[in-house]
């Protein structure tokens, strides 16, 4: 499938299961992520990190929580030897600017939040 192709046709059940945060749509059953209707190729580890944050936008998830999620006995990940920080940086690059913000909360972890355009207030002096 062309990674730049628009979001494919989805069934009502798939749409009901889709997770939307900002300009991102995640289809968990298909392990697919779209930003502005364009597919973004993620590794399985990156997908699981994004899914964990998107499941509860705004909630802080610690690196230990990510690591426990990634080392689930029924899943196999290539996370060994690579830090969560590395995967978060790659995820930020792949999602691009303006889709959502993966925020670092110093000393605590990471959270996903929508980017809101803030209107410019007119200068009262001008």
PDB file of N, CA and C in Angstrom:
ATOM      1  N   UNK A   1       0.836  -1.186   0.000  1.00  0.00           N
ATOM      2  CA  UNK A   1       0.000   0.000   0.000  1.00  0.00           C
ATOM      3  C   UNK A   1       0.878   1.244   0.000  1.00  0.00           C
ATOM      4  N   UNK A   2       0.523   2.211  -0.778  1.00  0.00           N
ATOM      5  CA  UNK A   2       1.241   3.476  -0.864  1.00  0.00           C
ATOM      6  C   UNK A   2       1.094   4.230   0.457  1.00  0.00           C
ATOM      7  N   UNK A   3       2.214   4.547   1.160  1.00  0.00           N
ATOM      8  CA  UNK A   3       2.103   5.208   2.453  1.00  0.00           C
ATOM      9  C   UNK A   3       1.519   6.608   2.372  1.00  0.00           C
ATOM     10  N   UNK A   4       1.464   7.205   1.184  1.00  0.00           N
ATOM     11  CA  UNK A   4       0.891   8.541   1.065  1.00  0.00           C
ATOM     12  C   UNK A   4      -0.551   8.503   0.571  1.00  0.00           C
ATOM     13  N   UNK A   5      -1.083   7.301   0.387  1.00  0.00           N
ATOM     14  CA  UNK A   5      -2.463   7.170  -0.089  1.00  0.00           C
ATOM     15  C   UNK A   5      -3.431   7.653   0.974  1.00  0.00           C
ATOM     16  N   UNK A   6      -4.570   8.213   0.557  1.00  0.00           N
ATOM     17  CA  UNK A   6      -5.544   8.661   1.535  1.00  0.00           C
ATOM     18  C   UNK A   6      -6.090   7.491   2.343  1.00  0.00           C
ATOM     19  N   UNK A   7      -6.714   7.814   3.458  1.00  0.00           N
ATOM     20  CA  UNK A   7      -7.298   6.800   4.318  1.00  0.00           C
ATOM     21  C   UNK A   7      -8.181   5.885   3.494  1.00  0.00           C
ATOM     22  N   UNK A   8      -7.999   4.555   3.628  1.00  0.00           N
ATOM     23  CA  UNK A   8      -8.805   3.636   2.843  1.00  0.00           C
ATOM     24  C   UNK A   8     -10.237   3.601   3.358  1.00  0.00           C
ATOM     25  N   UNK A   9     -11.094   2.976   2.573  1.00  0.00           N
ATOM     26  CA  UNK A   9     -12.473   2.801   3.011  1.00  0.00           C
ATOM     27  C   UNK A   9     -12.469   1.984   4.290  1.00  0.00           C
ATOM     28  N   UNK A  10     -13.303   2.386   5.199  1.00  0.00           N
ATOM     29  CA  UNK A  10     -13.377   1.677   6.462  1.00  0.00           C
ATOM     30  C   UNK A  10     -14.811   1.261   6.726  1.00  0.00           C
ATOM     31  N   UNK A  11     -14.944   0.203   7.473  1.00  0.00           N
ATOM     32  CA  UNK A  11     -16.273  -0.262   7.847  1.00  0.00           C
ATOM     33  C   UNK A  11     -16.759   0.562   9.034  1.00  0.00           C
ATOM     34  N   UNK A  12     -18.052   0.555   9.288  1.00  0.00           N
ATOM     35  CA  UNK A  12     -18.555   1.262  10.477  1.00  0.00           C
ATOM     36  C   UNK A  12     -17.904   0.757  11.766  1.00  0.00           C
ATOM     37  N   UNK A  13     -17.627  -0.538  11.840  1.00  0.00           N
ATOM     38  CA  UNK A  13     -16.984  -1.089  13.042  1.00  0.00           C
ATOM     39  C   UNK A  13     -15.564  -0.546  13.201  1.00  0.00           C
ATOM     40  N   UNK A  14     -14.816  -0.449  12.083  1.00  0.00           N
ATOM     41  CA  UNK A  14     -13.460   0.101  12.144  1.00  0.00           C
ATOM     42  C   UNK A  14     -13.486   1.569  12.539  1.00  0.00           C
ATOM     43  N   UNK A  15     -14.437   2.318  12.008  1.00  0.00           N
ATOM     44  CA  UNK A  15     -14.561   3.728  12.370  1.00  0.00           C
ATOM     45  C   UNK A  15     -14.898   3.887  13.846  1.00  0.00           C
ATOM     46  N   UNK A  16     -15.733   2.986  14.359  1.00  0.00           N
ATOM     47  CA  UNK A  16     -16.105   3.048  15.776  1.00  0.00           C
ATOM     48  C   UNK A  16     -14.896   2.763  16.664  1.00  0.00           C
ATOM     49  N   UNK A  17     -13.984   1.914  16.200  1.00  0.00           N
ATOM     50  CA  UNK A  17     -12.801   1.551  16.981  1.00  0.00           C
ATOM     51  C   UNK A  17     -11.650   2.545  16.803  1.00  0.00           C
ATOM     52  N   UNK A  18     -11.724   3.391  15.786  1.00  0.00           N
ATOM     53  CA  UNK A  18     -10.636   4.332  15.500  1.00  0.00           C
ATOM     54  C   UNK A  18     -10.477   5.308  16.658  1.00  0.00           C
ATOM     55  N   UNK A  19      -9.221   5.677  16.905  1.00  0.00           N
ATOM     56  CA  UNK A  19      -8.898   6.663  17.931  1.00  0.00           C
ATOM     57  C   UNK A  19      -8.454   7.919  17.206  1.00  0.00           C
ATOM     58  N   UNK A  20      -9.049   9.040  17.566  1.00  0.00           N
ATOM     59  CA  UNK A  20      -8.721  10.315  16.933  1.00  0.00           C
ATOM     60  C   UNK A  20      -8.196  11.295  17.976  1.00  0.00           C
ATOM     61  N   UNK A  21      -7.040  11.867  17.670  1.00  0.00           N
ATOM     62  CA  UNK A  21      -6.464  12.922  18.492  1.00  0.00           C
ATOM     63  C   UNK A  21      -5.890  13.942  17.531  1.00  0.00           C
ATOM     64  N   UNK A  22      -6.421  15.150  17.570  1.00  0.00           N
ATOM     65  CA  UNK A  22      -5.947  16.162  16.635  1.00  0.00           C
ATOM     66  C   UNK A  22      -6.140  15.699  15.208  1.00  0.00           C
ATOM     67  N   UNK A  23      -5.073  15.750  14.426  1.00  0.00           N
ATOM     68  CA  UNK A  23      -5.125  15.349  13.017  1.00  0.00           C
ATOM     69  C   UNK A  23      -4.754  13.883  12.812  1.00  0.00           C
ATOM     70  N   UNK A  24      -4.628  13.137  13.907  1.00  0.00           N
ATOM     71  CA  UNK A  24      -4.219  11.735  13.829  1.00  0.00           C
ATOM     72  C   UNK A  24      -5.423  10.821  13.960  1.00  0.00           C
ATOM     73  N   UNK A  25      -5.456   9.783  13.127  1.00  0.00           N
ATOM     74  CA  UNK A  25      -6.452   8.720  13.252  1.00  0.00           C
ATOM     75  C   UNK A  25      -5.679   7.415  13.347  1.00  0.00           C
ATOM     76  N   UNK A  26      -5.996   6.627  14.375  1.00  0.00           N
ATOM     77  CA  UNK A  26      -5.333   5.349  14.608  1.00  0.00           C
ATOM     78  C   UNK A  26      -6.366   4.242  14.458  1.00  0.00           C
ATOM     79  N   UNK A  27      -6.046   3.252  13.633  1.00  0.00           N
ATOM     80  CA  UNK A  27      -6.890   2.068  13.474  1.00  0.00           C
ATOM     81  C   UNK A  27      -6.172   0.909  14.170  1.00  0.00           C
ATOM     82  N   UNK A  28      -6.519   0.633  15.424  1.00  0.00           N
ATOM     83  CA  UNK A  28      -5.783  -0.356  16.207  1.00  0.00           C
ATOM     84  C   UNK A  28      -5.776  -1.757  15.607  1.00  0.00           C
ATOM     85  N   UNK A  29      -6.878  -2.201  15.065  1.00  0.00           N
ATOM     86  CA  UNK A  29      -6.935  -3.568  14.526  1.00  0.00           C
ATOM     87  C   UNK A  29      -6.036  -3.756  13.314  1.00  0.00           C
ATOM     88  N   UNK A  30      -5.775  -2.679  12.586  1.00  0.00           N
ATOM     89  CA  UNK A  30      -4.938  -2.767  11.381  1.00  0.00           C
ATOM     90  C   UNK A  30      -3.524  -2.257  11.611  1.00  0.00           C
ATOM     91  N   UNK A  31      -3.249  -1.736  12.815  1.00  0.00           N
ATOM     92  CA  UNK A  31      -1.953  -1.141  13.128  1.00  0.00           C
ATOM     93  C   UNK A  31      -1.600  -0.055  12.112  1.00  0.00           C
ATOM     94  N   UNK A  32      -2.579   0.783  11.797  1.00  0.00           N
ATOM     95  CA  UNK A  32      -2.369   1.867  10.834  1.00  0.00           C
ATOM     96  C   UNK A  32      -2.600   3.209  11.504  1.00  0.00           C
ATOM     97  N   UNK A  33      -1.796   4.191  11.070  1.00  0.00           N
ATOM     98  CA  UNK A  33      -1.893   5.554  11.584  1.00  0.00           C
ATOM     99  C   UNK A  33      -1.935   6.495  10.390  1.00  0.00           C
ATOM    100  N   UNK A  34      -2.851   7.460  10.474  1.00  0.00           N
ATOM    101  CA  UNK A  34      -2.987   8.480   9.423  1.00  0.00           C
ATOM    102  C   UNK A  34      -2.889   9.858  10.050  1.00  0.00           C
ATOM    103  N   UNK A  35      -2.171  10.739   9.366  1.00  0.00           N
ATOM    104  CA  UNK A  35      -2.091  12.144   9.750  1.00  0.00           C
ATOM    105  C   UNK A  35      -2.591  12.937   8.559  1.00  0.00           C
ATOM    106  N   UNK A  36      -3.635  13.723   8.774  1.00  0.00           N
ATOM    107  CA  UNK A  36      -4.239  14.479   7.661  1.00  0.00           C
ATOM    108  C   UNK A  36      -4.558  13.556   6.484  1.00  0.00           C
ATOM    109  N   UNK A  37      -5.098  12.394   6.771  1.00  0.00           N
ATOM    110  CA  UNK A  37      -5.522  11.398   5.785  1.00  0.00           C
ATOM    111  C   UNK A  37      -4.364  10.759   5.013  1.00  0.00           C
ATOM    112  N   UNK A  38      -3.139  10.956   5.476  1.00  0.00           N
ATOM    113  CA  UNK A  38      -1.979  10.322   4.849  1.00  0.00           C
ATOM    114  C   UNK A  38      -1.412   9.291   5.813  1.00  0.00           C
ATOM    115  N   UNK A  39      -1.166   8.105   5.286  1.00  0.00           N
ATOM    116  CA  UNK A  39      -0.657   7.026   6.131  1.00  0.00           C
ATOM    117  C   UNK A  39       0.775   7.313   6.564  1.00  0.00           C
ATOM    118  N   UNK A  40       1.047   7.032   7.825  1.00  0.00           N
ATOM    119  CA  UNK A  40       2.385   7.196   8.398  1.00  0.00           C
ATOM    120  C   UNK A  40       2.878   5.815   8.802  1.00  0.00           C
ATOM    121  N   UNK A  41       4.031   5.430   8.284  1.00  0.00           N
ATOM    122  CA  UNK A  41       4.613   4.130   8.605  1.00  0.00           C
ATOM    123  C   UNK A  41       5.338   4.217   9.944  1.00  0.00           C
ATOM    124  N   UNK A  42       4.901   3.411  10.893  1.00  0.00           N
ATOM    125  CA  UNK A  42       5.533   3.360  12.206  1.00  0.00           C
ATOM    126  C   UNK A  42       6.018   1.940  12.474  1.00  0.00           C
ATOM    127  N   UNK A  43       7.064   1.839  13.287  1.00  0.00           N
ATOM    128  CA  UNK A  43       7.467   0.520  13.753  1.00  0.00           C
ATOM    129  C   UNK A  43       6.403   0.055  14.752  1.00  0.00           C
ATOM    130  N   UNK A  44       6.424  -1.208  15.078  1.00  0.00           N
ATOM    131  CA  UNK A  44       5.460  -1.729  16.037  1.00  0.00           C
ATOM    132  C   UNK A  44       5.632  -1.052  17.398  1.00  0.00           C
ATOM    133  N   UNK A  45       6.869  -0.816  17.789  1.00  0.00           N
ATOM    134  CA  UNK A  45       7.129  -0.131  19.064  1.00  0.00           C
ATOM    135  C   UNK A  45       6.577   1.283  19.030  1.00  0.00           C
ATOM    136  N   UNK A  46       6.826   2.020  17.959  1.00  0.00           N
ATOM    137  CA  UNK A  46       6.306   3.388  17.839  1.00  0.00           C
ATOM    138  C   UNK A  46       4.781   3.382  17.844  1.00  0.00           C
ATOM    139  N   UNK A  47       4.189   2.409  17.163  1.00  0.00           N
ATOM    140  CA  UNK A  47       2.732   2.315  17.148  1.00  0.00           C
ATOM    141  C   UNK A  47       2.198   2.128  18.568  1.00  0.00           C
ATOM    142  N   UNK A  48       2.808   1.223  19.320  1.00  0.00           N
ATOM    143  CA  UNK A  48       2.321   0.967  20.675  1.00  0.00           C
ATOM    144  C   UNK A  48       2.522   2.173  21.592  1.00  0.00           C
ATOM    145  N   UNK A  49       3.602   2.908  21.415  1.00  0.00           N
ATOM    146  CA  UNK A  49       3.806   4.129  22.207  1.00  0.00           C
ATOM    147  C   UNK A  49       2.725   5.158  21.886  1.00  0.00           C
ATOM    148  N   UNK A  50       2.473   5.379  20.595  1.00  0.00           N
ATOM    149  CA  UNK A  50       1.444   6.328  20.184  1.00  0.00           C
ATOM    150  C   UNK A  50       0.071   5.881  20.662  1.00  0.00           C
ATOM    151  N   UNK A  51      -0.224   4.606  20.510  1.00  0.00           N
ATOM    152  CA  UNK A  51      -1.520   4.077  20.926  1.00  0.00           C
ATOM    153  C   UNK A  51      -1.729   4.279  22.422  1.00  0.00           C
ATOM    154  N   UNK A  52      -0.697   4.019  23.221  1.00  0.00           N
ATOM    155  CA  UNK A  52      -0.807   4.196  24.670  1.00  0.00           C
ATOM    156  C   UNK A  52      -1.113   5.640  25.029  1.00  0.00           C
ATOM    157  N   UNK A  53      -0.450   6.581  24.362  1.00  0.00           N
ATOM    158  CA  UNK A  53      -0.692   7.996  24.660  1.00  0.00           C
ATOM    159  C   UNK A  53      -2.038   8.457  24.112  1.00  0.00           C
ATOM    160  N   UNK A  54      -2.415   7.983  22.932  1.00  0.00           N
ATOM    161  CA  UNK A  54      -3.668   8.416  22.297  1.00  0.00           C
ATOM    162  C   UNK A  54      -4.884   7.851  23.022  1.00  0.00           C
ATOM    163  N   UNK A  55      -4.699   6.734  23.672  1.00  0.00           N
ATOM    164  CA  UNK A  55      -5.806   6.113  24.397  1.00  0.00           C
ATOM    165  C   UNK A  55      -6.295   7.034  25.515  1.00  0.00           C
ATOM    166  N   UNK A  56      -5.365   7.816  26.082  1.00  0.00           N
ATOM    167  CA  UNK A  56      -5.709   8.778  27.129  1.00  0.00           C
ATOM    168  C   UNK A  56      -4.924  10.073  26.902  1.00  0.00           C
ATOM    169  N   UNK A  57      -5.349  10.877  25.923  1.00  0.00           N
ATOM    170  CA  UNK A  57      -4.623  12.124  25.641  1.00  0.00           C
ATOM    171  C   UNK A  57      -4.556  13.003  26.884  1.00  0.00           C
ATOM    172  N   UNK A  58      -3.403  13.608  27.074  1.00  0.00           N
ATOM    173  CA  UNK A  58      -3.223  14.499  28.204  1.00  0.00           C
ATOM    174  C   UNK A  58      -2.696  13.804  29.448  1.00  0.00           C
ATOM    175  N   UNK A  59      -2.847  12.492  29.533  1.00  0.00           N
ATOM    176  CA  UNK A  59      -2.332  11.750  30.684  1.00  0.00           C
ATOM    177  C   UNK A  59      -0.837  11.524  30.500  1.00  0.00           C
ATOM    178  N   UNK A  60      -0.104  11.617  31.575  1.00  0.00           N
ATOM    179  CA  UNK A  60       1.341  11.386  31.534  1.00  0.00           C
ATOM    180  C   UNK A  60       1.613   9.893  31.668  1.00  0.00           C
ATOM    181  N   UNK A  61       2.459   9.383  30.781  1.00  0.00           N
ATOM    182  CA  UNK A  61       2.871   7.981  30.826  1.00  0.00           C
ATOM    183  C   UNK A  61       4.379   7.967  31.048  1.00  0.00           C
ATOM    184  N   UNK A  62       4.797   7.316  32.105  1.00  0.00           N
ATOM    185  CA  UNK A  62       6.216   7.283  32.461  1.00  0.00           C
ATOM    186  C   UNK A  62       6.971   6.301  31.572  1.00  0.00           C
ATOM    187  N   UNK A  63       8.288   6.471  31.476  1.00  0.00           N
ATOM    188  CA  UNK A  63       9.090   5.506  30.722  1.00  0.00           C
ATOM    189  C   UNK A  63       8.925   4.083  31.271  1.00  0.00           C
ATOM    190  N   UNK A  64       8.792   3.934  32.598  1.00  0.00           N
ATOM    191  CA  UNK A  64       8.585   2.602  33.177  1.00  0.00           C
ATOM    192  C   UNK A  64       7.269   1.998  32.703  1.00  0.00           C
ATOM    193  N   UNK A  65       6.216   2.815  32.615  1.00  0.00           N
ATOM    194  CA  UNK A  65       4.933   2.317  32.117  1.00  0.00           C
ATOM    195  C   UNK A  65       5.054   1.890  30.656  1.00  0.00           C
ATOM    196  N   UNK A  66       5.757   2.684  29.855  1.00  0.00           N
ATOM    197  CA  UNK A  66       5.984   2.309  28.454  1.00  0.00           C
ATOM    198  C   UNK A  66       6.742   0.988  28.387  1.00  0.00           C
ATOM    199  N   UNK A  67       7.795   0.872  29.187  1.00  0.00           N
ATOM    200  CA  UNK A  67       8.622  -0.332  29.135  1.00  0.00           C
ATOM    201  C   UNK A  67       7.815  -1.556  29.526  1.00  0.00           C
ATOM    202  N   UNK A  68       6.976  -1.442  30.554  1.00  0.00           N
ATOM    203  CA  UNK A  68       6.132  -2.572  30.940  1.00  0.00           C
ATOM    204  C   UNK A  68       5.176  -2.936  29.812  1.00  0.00           C
ATOM    205  N   UNK A  69       4.643  -1.918  29.155  1.00  0.00           N
ATOM    206  CA  UNK A  69       3.714  -2.177  28.044  1.00  0.00           C
ATOM    207  C   UNK A  69       4.430  -2.877  26.884  1.00  0.00           C
ATOM    208  N   UNK A  70       5.653  -2.452  26.618  1.00  0.00           N
ATOM    209  CA  UNK A  70       6.398  -3.012  25.499  1.00  0.00           C
ATOM    210  C   UNK A  70       6.957  -4.397  25.786  1.00  0.00           C
ATOM    211  N   UNK A  71       7.114  -4.745  27.039  1.00  0.00           N
ATOM    212  CA  UNK A  71       7.682  -6.049  27.366  1.00  0.00           C
ATOM    213  C   UNK A  71       6.609  -7.054  27.770  1.00  0.00           C
ATOM    214  N   UNK A  72       5.381  -6.779  27.352  1.00  0.00           N
ATOM    215  CA  UNK A  72       4.279  -7.699  27.611  1.00  0.00           C
ATOM    216  C   UNK A  72       4.670  -9.066  27.054  1.00  0.00           C
ATOM    217  N   UNK A  73       4.453 -10.153  27.820  1.00  0.00           N
ATOM    218  CA  UNK A  73       4.921 -11.468  27.373  1.00  0.00           C
ATOM    219  C   UNK A  73       4.302 -11.957  26.069  1.00  0.00           C
ATOM    220  N   UNK A  74       3.127 -11.443  25.707  1.00  0.00           N
ATOM    221  CA  UNK A  74       2.497 -11.903  24.465  1.00  0.00           C
ATOM    222  C   UNK A  74       2.926 -11.091  23.260  1.00  0.00           C
ATOM    223  N   UNK A  75       3.727 -10.074  23.460  1.00  0.00           N
ATOM    224  CA  UNK A  75       4.205  -9.241  22.356  1.00  0.00           C
ATOM    225  C   UNK A  75       5.717  -9.329  22.280  1.00  0.00           C
ATOM    226  N   UNK A  76       6.234  -9.209  21.074  1.00  0.00           N
ATOM    227  CA  UNK A  76       7.676  -9.158  20.906  1.00  0.00           C
ATOM    228  C   UNK A  76       8.015  -7.824  20.266  1.00  0.00           C
ATOM    229  N   UNK A  77       8.924  -7.102  20.891  1.00  0.00           N
ATOM    230  CA  UNK A  77       9.309  -5.787  20.390  1.00  0.00           C
ATOM    231  C   UNK A  77      10.821  -5.703  20.265  1.00  0.00           C
ATOM    232  N   UNK A  78      11.259  -4.815  19.424  1.00  0.00           N
ATOM    233  CA  UNK A  78      12.685  -4.566  19.264  1.00  0.00           C
ATOM    234  C   UNK A  78      13.120  -3.433  20.178  1.00  0.00           C
ATOM    235  N   UNK A  79      12.501  -3.319  21.353  1.00  0.00           N
ATOM    236  CA  UNK A  79      12.806  -2.222  22.256  1.00  0.00           C
ATOM    237  C   UNK A  79      14.070  -2.468  23.059  1.00  0.00           C
ATOM    238  N   UNK A  80      14.525  -3.714  23.125  1.00  0.00           N
ATOM    239  CA  UNK A  80      15.717  -4.013  23.899  1.00  0.00           C
ATOM    240  C   UNK A  80      16.900  -3.236  23.338  1.00  0.00           C
ATOM    241  N   UNK A  81      17.600  -2.542  24.222  1.00  0.00           N
ATOM    242  CA  UNK A  81      18.780  -1.788  23.815  1.00  0.00           C
ATOM    243  C   UNK A  81      18.477  -0.393  23.291  1.00  0.00           C
ATOM    244  N   UNK A  82      17.248  -0.145  22.903  1.00  0.00           N
ATOM    245  CA  UNK A  82      16.885   1.192  22.408  1.00  0.00           C
ATOM    246  C   UNK A  82      16.045   1.867  23.475  1.00  0.00           C
ATOM    247  N   UNK A  83      16.303   3.113  23.716  1.00  0.00           N
ATOM    248  CA  UNK A  83      15.587   3.804  24.782  1.00  0.00           C
ATOM    249  C   UNK A  83      14.231   4.309  24.310  1.00  0.00           C
ATOM    250  N   UNK A  84      13.354   4.496  25.269  1.00  0.00           N
ATOM    251  CA  UNK A  84      12.049   5.079  24.981  1.00  0.00           C
ATOM    252  C   UNK A  84      12.246   6.465  24.364  1.00  0.00           C
ATOM    253  N   UNK A  85      13.235   7.182  24.865  1.00  0.00           N
ATOM    254  CA  UNK A  85      13.521   8.528  24.344  1.00  0.00           C
ATOM    255  C   UNK A  85      13.795   8.494  22.840  1.00  0.00           C
ATOM    256  N   UNK A  86      14.539   7.497  22.400  1.00  0.00           N
ATOM    257  CA  UNK A  86      14.847   7.340  20.972  1.00  0.00           C
ATOM    258  C   UNK A  86      13.562   7.108  20.173  1.00  0.00           C
ATOM    259  N   UNK A  87      12.695   6.231  20.685  1.00  0.00           N
ATOM    260  CA  UNK A  87      11.448   5.933  19.984  1.00  0.00           C
ATOM    261  C   UNK A  87      10.515   7.146  19.949  1.00  0.00           C
ATOM    262  N   UNK A  88      10.478   7.905  21.027  1.00  0.00           N
ATOM    263  CA  UNK A  88       9.646   9.116  21.071  1.00  0.00           C
ATOM    264  C   UNK A  88      10.155  10.130  20.051  1.00  0.00           C
ATOM    265  N   UNK A  89      11.475  10.294  19.961  1.00  0.00           N
ATOM    266  CA  UNK A  89      12.043  11.241  18.989  1.00  0.00           C
ATOM    267  C   UNK A  89      11.683  10.823  17.559  1.00  0.00           C
ATOM    268  N   UNK A  90      11.782   9.532  17.270  1.00  0.00           N
ATOM    269  CA  UNK A  90      11.427   9.046  15.933  1.00  0.00           C
ATOM    270  C   UNK A  90       9.937   9.242  15.664  1.00  0.00           C
ATOM    271  N   UNK A  91       9.123   9.006  16.668  1.00  0.00           N
ATOM    272  CA  UNK A  91       7.682   9.199  16.528  1.00  0.00           C
ATOM    273  C   UNK A  91       7.353  10.652  16.230  1.00  0.00           C
ATOM    274  N   UNK A  92       7.994  11.569  16.924  1.00  0.00           N
ATOM    275  CA  UNK A  92       7.780  13.007  16.665  1.00  0.00           C
ATOM    276  C   UNK A  92       8.135  13.357  15.220  1.00  0.00           C
ATOM    277  N   UNK A  93       9.263  12.850  14.748  1.00  0.00           N
ATOM    278  CA  UNK A  93       9.686  13.127  13.360  1.00  0.00           C
ATOM    279  C   UNK A  93       8.660  12.605  12.362  1.00  0.00           C
ATOM    280  N   UNK A  94       8.200  11.387  12.575  1.00  0.00           N
ATOM    281  CA  UNK A  94       7.287  10.770  11.617  1.00  0.00           C
ATOM    282  C   UNK A  94       5.907  11.430  11.622  1.00  0.00           C
ATOM    283  N   UNK A  95       5.435  11.861  12.781  1.00  0.00           N
ATOM    284  CA  UNK A  95       4.117  12.507  12.839  1.00  0.00           C
ATOM    285  C   UNK A  95       4.168  13.901  12.243  1.00  0.00           C
ATOM    286  N   UNK A  96       5.316  14.548  12.331  1.00  0.00           N
ATOM    287  CA  UNK A  96       5.484  15.869  11.750  1.00  0.00           C
ATOM    288  C   UNK A  96       4.889  16.956  12.624  1.00  0.00           C
ATOM    289  N   UNK A  97       5.186  18.203  12.272  1.00  0.00           N
ATOM    290  CA  UNK A  97       4.675  19.322  13.060  1.00  0.00           C
ATOM    291  C   UNK A  97       3.187  19.544  12.808  1.00  0.00           C
ATOM    292  N   UNK A  98       2.502  19.957  13.810  1.00  0.00           N
ATOM    293  CA  UNK A  98       1.109  20.353  13.637  1.00  0.00           C
ATOM    294  C   UNK A  98       0.078  19.263  13.764  1.00  0.00           C
ATOM    295  N   UNK A  99       0.499  17.989  13.824  1.00  0.00           N
ATOM    296  CA  UNK A  99      -0.488  16.909  13.945  1.00  0.00           C
ATOM    297  C   UNK A  99      -0.976  16.819  15.388  1.00  0.00           C
ATOM    298  N   UNK A 100      -0.084  16.555  16.274  1.00  0.00           N
ATOM    299  CA  UNK A 100      -0.301  16.540  17.717  1.00  0.00           C
ATOM    300  C   UNK A 100       1.042  16.882  18.334  1.00  0.00           C
ATOM    301  N   UNK A 101       1.038  17.053  19.627  1.00  0.00           N
ATOM    302  CA  UNK A 101       2.285  17.340  20.305  1.00  0.00           C
ATOM    303  C   UNK A 101       2.572  16.219  21.296  1.00  0.00           C
ATOM    304  N   UNK A 102       3.737  15.586  21.134  1.00  0.00           N
ATOM    305  CA  UNK A 102       4.206  14.625  22.126  1.00  0.00           C
ATOM    306  C   UNK A 102       5.058  15.439  23.077  1.00  0.00           C
ATOM    307  N   UNK A 103       4.506  15.705  24.246  1.00  0.00           N
ATOM    308  CA  UNK A 103       5.175  16.568  25.214  1.00  0.00           C
ATOM    309  C   UNK A 103       6.007  15.747  26.181  1.00  0.00           C
ATOM    310  N   UNK A 104       7.188  16.254  26.499  1.00  0.00           N
ATOM    311  CA  UNK A 104       8.005  15.687  27.555  1.00  0.00           C
ATOM    312  C   UNK A 104       7.646  16.413  28.835  1.00  0.00           C
ATOM    313  N   UNK A 105       7.268  15.662  29.855  1.00  0.00           N
ATOM    314  CA  UNK A 105       6.976  16.231  31.170  1.00  0.00           C
ATOM    315  C   UNK A 105       8.169  15.857  32.043  1.00  0.00           C
ATOM    316  N   UNK A 106       9.012  16.830  32.259  1.00  0.00           N
ATOM    317  CA  UNK A 106      10.300  16.599  32.907  1.00  0.00           C
ATOM    318  C   UNK A 106      10.165  15.814  34.217  1.00  0.00           C
ATOM    319  N   UNK A 107      10.936  14.735  34.293  1.00  0.00           N
ATOM    320  CA  UNK A 107      10.960  13.908  35.489  1.00  0.00           C
ATOM    321  C   UNK A 107       9.777  12.971  35.636  1.00  0.00           C
ATOM    322  N   UNK A 108       8.811  13.030  34.682  1.00  0.00           N
ATOM    323  CA  UNK A 108       7.616  12.202  34.819  1.00  0.00           C
ATOM    324  C   UNK A 108       7.377  11.286  33.626  1.00  0.00           C
ATOM    325  N   UNK A 109       7.488  11.806  32.416  1.00  0.00           N
ATOM    326  CA  UNK A 109       7.225  10.978  31.249  1.00  0.00           C
ATOM    327  C   UNK A 109       6.791  11.790  30.047  1.00  0.00           C
ATOM    328  N   UNK A 110       5.815  11.254  29.318  1.00  0.00           N
ATOM    329  CA  UNK A 110       5.356  11.868  28.068  1.00  0.00           C
ATOM    330  C   UNK A 110       3.839  11.881  28.032  1.00  0.00           C
ATOM    331  N   UNK A 111       3.308  12.830  27.280  1.00  0.00           N
ATOM    332  CA  UNK A 111       1.869  12.860  27.050  1.00  0.00           C
ATOM    333  C   UNK A 111       1.600  13.397  25.653  1.00  0.00           C
ATOM    334  N   UNK A 112       0.439  13.042  25.160  1.00  0.00           N
ATOM    335  CA  UNK A 112       0.003  13.454  23.833  1.00  0.00           C
ATOM    336  C   UNK A 112      -1.065  14.512  24.005  1.00  0.00           C
ATOM    337  N   UNK A 113      -0.933  15.600  23.267  1.00  0.00           N
ATOM    338  CA  UNK A 113      -1.964  16.631  23.332  1.00  0.00           C
ATOM    339  C   UNK A 113      -2.193  17.219  21.949  1.00  0.00           C
ATOM    340  N   UNK A 114      -3.411  17.669  21.763  1.00  0.00           N
ATOM    341  CA  UNK A 114      -3.753  18.312  20.493  1.00  0.00           C
ATOM    342  C   UNK A 114      -3.104  19.676  20.441  1.00  0.00           C
ATOM    343  N   UNK A 115      -2.819  20.109  19.238  1.00  0.00           N
ATOM    344  CA  UNK A 115      -2.282  21.452  19.038  1.00  0.00           C
ATOM    345  C   UNK A 115      -3.445  22.352  18.658  1.00  0.00           C
ATOM    346  N   UNK A 116      -3.634  23.375  19.443  1.00  0.00           N
ATOM    347  CA  UNK A 116      -4.722  24.314  19.181  1.00  0.00           C
ATOM    348  C   UNK A 116      -4.129  25.625  18.678  1.00  0.00           C
ATOM    349  N   UNK A 117      -4.733  26.140  17.626  1.00  0.00           N
ATOM    350  CA  UNK A 117      -4.302  27.449  17.132  1.00  0.00           C
ATOM    351  C   UNK A 117      -4.870  28.506  18.053  1.00  0.00           C
ATOM    352  N   UNK A 118      -4.001  29.358  18.549  1.00  0.00           N
ATOM    353  CA  UNK A 118      -4.461  30.419  19.430  1.00  0.00           C
ATOM    354  C   UNK A 118      -4.602  31.697  18.630  1.00  0.00           C
ATOM    355  N   UNK A 119      -5.779  32.320  18.676  1.00  0.00           N
ATOM    356  CA  UNK A 119      -5.943  33.555  17.919  1.00  0.00           C
ATOM    357  C   UNK A 119      -5.042  34.647  18.464  1.00  0.00           C
ATOM    358  N   UNK A 120      -4.564  35.466  17.578  1.00  0.00           N
ATOM    359  CA  UNK A 120      -3.708  36.578  17.976  1.00  0.00           C
ATOM    360  C   UNK A 120      -4.598  37.707  18.484  1.00  0.00           C
ATOM    361  N   UNK A 121      -4.292  38.131  19.708  1.00  0.00           N
ATOM    362  CA  UNK A 121      -5.051  39.235  20.296  1.00  0.00           C
ATOM    363  C   UNK A 121      -4.602  40.549  19.651  1.00  0.00           C
ATOM    364  N   UNK A 122      -5.567  41.419  19.319  1.00  0.00           N
ATOM    365  CA  UNK A 122      -5.171  42.702  18.751  1.00  0.00           C
ATOM    366  C   UNK A 122      -4.460  43.549  19.808  1.00  0.00           C
ATOM    367  N   UNK A 123      -3.492  44.297  19.339  1.00  0.00           N
ATOM    368  CA  UNK A 123      -2.734  45.174  20.238  1.00  0.00           C
ATOM    369  C   UNK A 123      -3.623  46.346  20.632  1.00  0.00           C
ATOM    370  N   UNK A 124      -3.902  46.501  21.955  1.00  0.00           N
ATOM    371  CA  UNK A 124      -4.803  47.588  22.378  1.00  0.00           C
ATOM    372  C   UNK A 124      -4.226  48.973  22.077  1.00  0.00           C
ATOM    373  N   UNK A 125      -2.897  49.079  21.920  1.00  0.00           N
ATOM    374  CA  UNK A 125      -2.291  50.374  21.637  1.00  0.00           C
ATOM    375  C   UNK A 125      -2.330  50.703  20.158  1.00  0.00           C
ATOM    376  N   UNK A 126      -2.657  49.712  19.360  1.00  0.00           N
ATOM    377  CA  UNK A 126      -2.501  49.943  17.931  1.00  0.00           C
ATOM    378  C   UNK A 126      -3.759  49.859  17.234  1.00  0.00           C
TER     379      UNK A 126
END
